[in-house]
Amino acid sequence: MGSPRGVLAVSGYLTGRYAPAASVSTIGHQSPFTRAFQILAQPDPVRLQKLPAPDSGIIELRLERPEVKNAINWDLMRKLRSSIEKIQADATAKVVLVASSVPGAFCAGADLKERRLMSSSEVGEYSRSLRSTFSSFEALPIPTIAIIEGAALGGGLELALSCDLRICGISLLWEAGGTQRLPRIAGRSKAKELIFTGRRCDAAEAVMMGLANYCVPAGEAYQKALDIAREITQKGPLGIRMAKKAIDRGTEVADMSSALAVEGECYEQLLHTQDRLEALAAFAEKRKPVYIGK
């Protein structure tokens, strides 16, 4: 891949700066027949697939709008929401990998050519729908890992921030993001600095502040994310779901006693499961546990 430059940039609706969308084609003056033909000919901008054994339980969600570097339009947003619903309904899902099939780009943010044709009320509806979509993704009960190889701008960074983990195959980062998720990840003071200045920082600082879990050489992010996903799938799926719930809900409450109460409630939901008994039996018998998710 040579020496790609990875970029994580401030969300456009916060700063007025958006990802460039020079390659987006304008369809406003084409005939209805031509537009319909193009829509039918376009592949899905979001592809969902289950990995086969021995990686059963790992789901790949890939962004595939190469002509605009995965810029988010209404169609991509709807397909993303549909994919989230499918993952929620899949009892066999254990980990989600969020990646791009476009070399050098994770997601270029909003599709500005489409947005230019919207009214102010439509722009508001788009923004609300996008926030809702990312919140739904963040609320998935299983771990999610963003694989960032290249630019993650505006809404693209918001998508990455809504994941539980971020693996960056990049050399330089422009750190910033949403006003709500970034402070929860990097801390209020650091988030203000990054959003106010939009300054560039190196990968080591990104890992140190918790914005990225790992920064690896370009082209190696997918393999690192897959290795982590494989580790997760070896653990009890019910335990993983309750751990994520306990962490997410516990960090939202104001005091430690309330947070511990959340943890206790989550643990109680595991007390009478077959997986818990299997874990105890496997420990006593010095063997690897076989979890069934019950």
Protein backbone atom coordinates (compact mmCIF):
# COMPACT_ATOMS: atom_id res chain seq x y z
CA MET A 1 0.00 0.00 0.00
CA GLY A 2 3.09 2.25 -0.09
CA SER A 3 2.93 4.88 2.65
CA PRO A 4 -0.73 5.86 3.05
CA ARG A 5 -1.63 8.76 5.26
CA GLY A 6 -4.31 7.95 7.82
CA VAL A 7 -6.47 10.80 8.99
CA LEU A 8 -8.99 11.05 11.82
CA ALA A 9 -10.60 14.47 11.51
CA VAL A 10 -13.13 16.63 13.33
CA SER A 11 -16.75 15.95 12.50
CA GLY A 12 -17.91 18.45 9.89
CA TYR A 13 -21.11 19.47 11.65
CA LEU A 14 -19.03 20.57 14.63
CA THR A 15 -16.50 22.72 12.81
CA GLY A 16 -17.88 23.48 9.38
CA ARG A 17 -15.09 21.43 7.77
CA TYR A 18 -16.08 18.34 5.83
CA ALA A 19 -14.29 15.62 3.94
CA PRO A 20 -13.66 16.47 0.28
CA ALA A 21 -16.11 14.82 -2.09
CA ALA A 22 -14.75 15.89 -5.46
CA SER A 23 -15.40 12.52 -7.06
CA VAL A 24 -19.11 12.38 -6.21
CA SER A 25 -21.16 12.46 -9.43
CA THR A 26 -24.09 14.86 -9.66
CA ILE A 27 -27.34 13.25 -10.80
CA GLY A 28 -29.69 16.17 -10.36
CA HIS A 29 -29.98 16.91 -14.12
CA GLN A 30 -30.21 13.34 -15.40
CA SER A 31 -33.37 11.73 -16.70
CA PRO A 32 -35.47 9.56 -14.33
CA PHE A 33 -34.66 6.51 -16.48
CA THR A 34 -30.90 7.15 -16.25
CA ARG A 35 -31.07 7.71 -12.50
CA ALA A 36 -33.12 4.53 -11.99
CA PHE A 37 -30.68 2.53 -14.11
CA GLN A 38 -27.70 3.84 -12.11
CA ILE A 39 -29.39 3.00 -8.82
CA LEU A 40 -30.10 -0.55 -9.99
CA ALA A 41 -26.55 -0.95 -11.27
CA GLN A 42 -24.86 0.24 -8.08
CA PRO A 43 -23.69 -2.45 -5.64
CA ASP A 44 -24.72 -2.27 -2.01
CA PRO A 45 -22.62 0.33 -0.17
CA VAL A 46 -22.58 -1.87 2.93
CA ARG A 47 -21.71 -5.57 2.86
CA LEU A 48 -22.36 -7.89 5.78
CA GLN A 49 -20.87 -11.36 5.92
CA LYS A 50 -20.17 -14.05 8.48
CA LEU A 51 -16.69 -15.50 8.61
CA PRO A 52 -16.56 -19.28 8.20
CA ALA A 53 -15.14 -21.73 10.76
CA PRO A 54 -12.85 -21.57 12.62
CA ASP A 55 -13.88 -17.91 12.89
CA SER A 56 -17.58 -18.58 13.44
CA GLY A 57 -19.24 -15.78 15.39
CA ILE A 58 -17.18 -13.04 13.75
CA ILE A 59 -19.14 -10.75 11.41
CA GLU A 60 -17.59 -8.37 8.92
CA LEU A 61 -19.36 -5.12 8.10
CA ARG A 62 -17.65 -3.49 5.11
CA LEU A 63 -18.23 -0.06 3.60
CA GLU A 64 -18.12 -0.21 -0.20
CA ARG A 65 -18.58 3.13 -2.00
CA PRO A 66 -15.19 3.38 -3.68
CA GLU A 67 -16.14 6.21 -6.04
CA VAL A 68 -16.58 8.59 -3.07
CA LYS A 69 -14.34 6.95 -0.46
CA ASN A 70 -17.35 5.63 1.46
CA ALA A 71 -18.97 9.05 1.88
CA ILE A 72 -22.22 8.59 3.80
CA ASN A 73 -25.41 9.29 1.86
CA TRP A 74 -28.98 8.31 2.71
CA ASP A 75 -28.62 4.94 0.99
CA LEU A 76 -25.47 3.97 2.88
CA MET A 77 -27.03 5.11 6.15
CA ARG A 78 -30.16 3.00 5.57
CA LYS A 79 -28.07 -0.04 4.64
CA LEU A 80 -25.95 0.48 7.75
CA ARG A 81 -29.06 0.59 9.94
CA SER A 82 -30.42 -2.54 8.24
CA SER A 83 -27.11 -4.30 8.91
CA ILE A 84 -27.25 -3.30 12.57
CA GLU A 85 -30.75 -4.79 12.85
CA LYS A 86 -29.54 -8.04 11.28
CA ILE A 87 -26.66 -8.24 13.73
CA GLN A 88 -29.01 -7.58 16.67
CA ALA A 89 -31.24 -10.45 15.53
CA ASP A 90 -28.35 -12.90 15.08
CA ALA A 91 -27.91 -14.95 18.25
CA THR A 92 -24.69 -16.49 16.88
CA ALA A 93 -22.91 -13.13 16.47
CA LYS A 94 -20.01 -12.62 18.88
CA VAL A 95 -17.83 -9.84 17.41
CA VAL A 96 -18.27 -7.28 14.62
CA LEU A 97 -15.36 -6.03 12.51
CA VAL A 98 -16.07 -2.70 10.80
CA ALA A 99 -13.82 -2.19 7.80
CA SER A 100 -13.54 -0.56 4.39
CA SER A 101 -13.04 -2.25 1.06
CA VAL A 102 -11.67 1.03 -0.34
CA PRO A 103 -7.86 1.33 -0.27
CA GLY A 104 -6.64 4.35 1.66
CA ALA A 105 -10.02 5.34 3.08
CA PHE A 106 -12.15 4.22 6.02
CA CYS A 107 -14.94 6.77 5.48
CA ALA A 108 -14.80 10.28 4.02
CA GLY A 109 -17.70 11.62 6.10
CA ALA A 110 -20.92 13.07 4.70
CA ASP A 111 -21.72 12.96 0.98
CA LEU A 112 -21.67 16.71 0.43
CA LYS A 113 -22.90 16.57 -3.15
CA GLU A 114 -26.09 14.95 -1.88
CA ARG A 115 -26.29 17.34 1.05
CA ARG A 116 -26.06 20.38 -1.23
CA LEU A 117 -29.40 19.35 -2.73
CA MET A 118 -31.10 19.08 0.67
CA SER A 119 -33.24 21.70 2.37
CA SER A 120 -32.31 22.81 5.87
CA SER A 121 -35.03 20.57 7.33
CA GLU A 122 -33.71 17.61 5.34
CA VAL A 123 -30.18 18.27 6.60
CA GLY A 124 -31.55 18.25 10.15
CA GLU A 125 -33.33 14.98 9.54
CA TYR A 126 -30.16 13.49 8.05
CA SER A 127 -28.07 14.52 11.07
CA ARG A 128 -30.62 13.12 13.53
CA SER A 129 -30.81 9.85 11.59
CA LEU A 130 -27.03 9.56 11.49
CA ARG A 131 -26.71 10.13 15.24
CA SER A 132 -29.46 7.59 15.85
CA THR A 133 -27.78 5.05 13.59
CA PHE A 134 -24.43 5.39 15.35
CA SER A 135 -26.14 5.19 18.75
CA SER A 136 -27.81 1.95 17.65
CA PHE A 137 -24.44 0.61 16.58
CA GLU A 138 -22.87 1.67 19.88
CA ALA A 139 -25.69 -0.12 21.74
CA LEU A 140 -25.00 -3.51 20.13
CA PRO A 141 -24.56 -6.04 22.95
CA ILE A 142 -21.42 -7.60 21.42
CA PRO A 143 -17.92 -6.13 20.95
CA THR A 144 -17.30 -4.02 17.85
CA ILE A 145 -13.88 -3.25 16.35
CA ALA A 146 -13.18 -0.48 13.84
CA ILE A 147 -10.36 -1.24 11.38
CA ILE A 148 -9.07 2.14 10.20
CA GLU A 149 -6.78 1.97 7.18
CA GLY A 150 -6.71 5.50 5.83
CA ALA A 151 -8.92 8.55 6.24
CA ALA A 152 -11.73 8.62 8.82
CA LEU A 153 -13.35 12.03 8.43
CA GLY A 154 -16.46 13.59 9.93
CA GLY A 155 -19.16 10.95 10.17
CA GLY A 156 -16.53 8.31 9.43
CA LEU A 157 -14.76 9.16 12.66
CA GLU A 158 -18.10 9.20 14.48
CA LEU A 159 -18.66 5.62 13.27
CA ALA A 160 -15.22 4.60 14.53
CA LEU A 161 -15.86 6.28 17.89
CA SER A 162 -19.11 4.34 18.26
CA CYS A 163 -17.11 1.08 18.18
CA ASP A 164 -15.67 -0.49 21.31
CA LEU A 165 -12.13 -0.80 19.94
CA ARG A 166 -10.18 0.95 17.19
CA ILE A 167 -7.22 -0.53 15.34
CA CYS A 168 -5.35 2.00 13.19
CA GLY A 169 -3.06 0.96 10.35
CA ILE A 170 -1.78 4.49 9.92
CA SER A 171 1.29 6.62 10.48
CA LEU A 172 -0.23 10.01 11.38
CA LEU A 173 -3.53 10.99 12.96
CA TRP A 174 -5.54 14.17 13.06
CA GLU A 175 -7.32 13.68 16.30
CA ALA A 176 -10.82 14.94 17.06
CA GLY A 177 -14.43 13.89 16.79
CA GLY A 178 -17.86 14.17 18.33
CA THR A 179 -18.53 16.39 21.31
CA GLN A 180 -20.05 13.53 23.30
CA ARG A 181 -18.11 10.36 22.47
CA LEU A 182 -14.61 11.83 22.32
CA PRO A 183 -14.66 13.23 25.91
CA ARG A 184 -15.77 9.83 27.16
CA ILE A 185 -12.83 8.21 25.41
CA ALA A 186 -10.03 10.76 25.70
CA GLY A 187 -11.25 12.90 28.62
CA ARG A 188 -12.94 16.31 28.61
CA SER A 189 -9.82 18.47 28.56
CA LYS A 190 -8.08 16.52 25.80
CA ALA A 191 -11.28 16.39 23.75
CA LYS A 192 -11.65 20.18 23.96
CA GLU A 193 -8.07 20.68 22.88
CA LEU A 194 -8.39 18.36 19.90
CA ILE A 195 -11.78 19.70 18.76
CA PHE A 196 -10.89 23.37 19.26
CA THR A 197 -7.55 23.17 17.45
CA GLY A 198 -7.98 20.21 15.08
CA ARG A 199 -4.24 19.69 15.58
CA ARG A 200 -2.24 16.71 14.41
CA CYS A 201 -0.71 14.25 16.85
CA ASP A 202 1.23 11.06 16.36
CA ALA A 203 0.08 7.48 16.77
CA ALA A 204 1.83 7.02 20.12
CA GLU A 205 -0.18 9.89 21.63
CA ALA A 206 -3.41 8.49 20.18
CA VAL A 207 -2.81 5.16 21.91
CA MET A 208 -1.71 6.88 25.13
CA MET A 209 -4.96 8.88 25.35
CA GLY A 210 -7.07 5.82 24.58
CA LEU A 211 -8.39 7.07 21.25
CA ALA A 212 -6.83 4.06 19.52
CA ASN A 213 -6.23 0.66 21.08
CA TYR A 214 -3.42 -0.17 18.67
CA CYS A 215 -1.60 1.59 15.86
CA VAL A 216 0.11 -0.88 13.56
CA PRO A 217 1.99 -0.56 10.26
CA ALA A 218 -0.17 0.27 7.26
CA GLY A 219 -1.89 -2.80 5.87
CA GLU A 220 -1.75 -4.75 9.16
CA ALA A 221 -4.83 -3.37 10.94
CA TYR A 222 -7.22 -6.05 9.67
CA GLN A 223 -5.04 -8.91 10.87
CA LYS A 224 -4.59 -7.28 14.29
CA ALA A 225 -8.36 -6.77 14.62
CA LEU A 226 -9.01 -10.37 13.54
CA ASP A 227 -6.53 -11.67 16.13
CA ILE A 228 -8.37 -9.74 18.86
CA ALA A 229 -11.76 -10.91 17.58
CA ARG A 230 -10.55 -14.52 17.71
CA GLU A 231 -9.49 -14.07 21.33
CA ILE A 232 -12.91 -12.68 22.18
CA THR A 233 -14.80 -15.55 20.51
CA GLN A 234 -12.95 -18.03 22.73
CA LYS A 235 -14.59 -16.53 25.79
CA GLY A 236 -18.15 -17.15 27.00
CA PRO A 237 -20.49 -15.10 24.76
CA LEU A 238 -22.93 -14.37 27.58
CA GLY A 239 -20.11 -13.20 29.82
CA ILE A 240 -18.81 -10.89 27.08
CA ARG A 241 -22.27 -9.38 26.55
CA MET A 242 -22.73 -8.76 30.27
CA ALA A 243 -19.22 -7.32 30.59
CA LYS A 244 -19.93 -4.80 27.82
CA LYS A 245 -23.26 -3.92 29.41
CA ALA A 246 -21.66 -3.47 32.84
CA ILE A 247 -18.87 -1.26 31.48
CA ASP A 248 -21.12 0.90 29.32
CA ARG A 249 -23.88 1.40 31.88
CA GLY A 250 -21.52 1.60 34.84
CA THR A 251 -19.56 4.48 33.33
CA GLU A 252 -22.79 6.43 32.80
CA VAL A 253 -23.72 6.60 36.50
CA ALA A 254 -22.38 9.25 38.86
CA ASP A 255 -20.94 7.25 41.76
CA MET A 256 -19.06 4.02 42.40
CA SER A 257 -21.79 2.41 44.52
CA SER A 258 -24.28 2.77 41.66
CA ALA A 259 -21.69 1.44 39.21
CA LEU A 260 -21.07 -1.60 41.41
CA ALA A 261 -24.82 -2.18 41.58
CA VAL A 262 -24.88 -2.29 37.76
CA GLU A 263 -22.06 -4.82 37.81
CA GLY A 264 -23.93 -6.93 40.36
CA GLU A 265 -27.09 -6.95 38.27
CA CYS A 266 -25.14 -8.09 35.23
CA TYR A 267 -23.39 -10.84 37.20
CA GLU A 268 -26.69 -12.12 38.57
CA GLN A 269 -27.88 -12.69 35.01
CA LEU A 270 -25.01 -15.16 34.57
CA LEU A 271 -25.42 -17.10 37.81
CA HIS A 272 -27.79 -19.77 36.49
CA THR A 273 -26.43 -20.13 32.96
CA GLN A 274 -25.03 -23.34 31.53
CA ASP A 275 -21.95 -21.46 30.36
CA ARG A 276 -21.03 -20.48 33.91
CA LEU A 277 -21.28 -24.07 35.09
CA GLU A 278 -19.24 -25.18 32.08
CA ALA A 279 -16.51 -22.68 32.94
CA LEU A 280 -16.30 -24.00 36.49
CA ALA A 281 -16.24 -27.61 35.30
CA ALA A 282 -13.56 -26.89 32.71
CA PHE A 283 -11.39 -25.18 35.32
CA ALA A 284 -11.70 -28.15 37.69
CA GLU A 285 -10.97 -30.63 34.89
CA LYS A 286 -8.10 -28.53 33.47
CA ARG A 287 -9.55 -28.38 29.97
CA LYS A 288 -10.75 -25.73 27.55
CA PRO A 289 -14.40 -24.78 28.15
CA VAL A 290 -16.99 -25.35 25.44
CA TYR A 291 -19.52 -22.52 25.57
CA ILE A 292 -22.97 -22.74 24.00
CA GLY A 293 -24.30 -19.28 24.81
CA LYS A 294 -26.96 -20.48 27.26
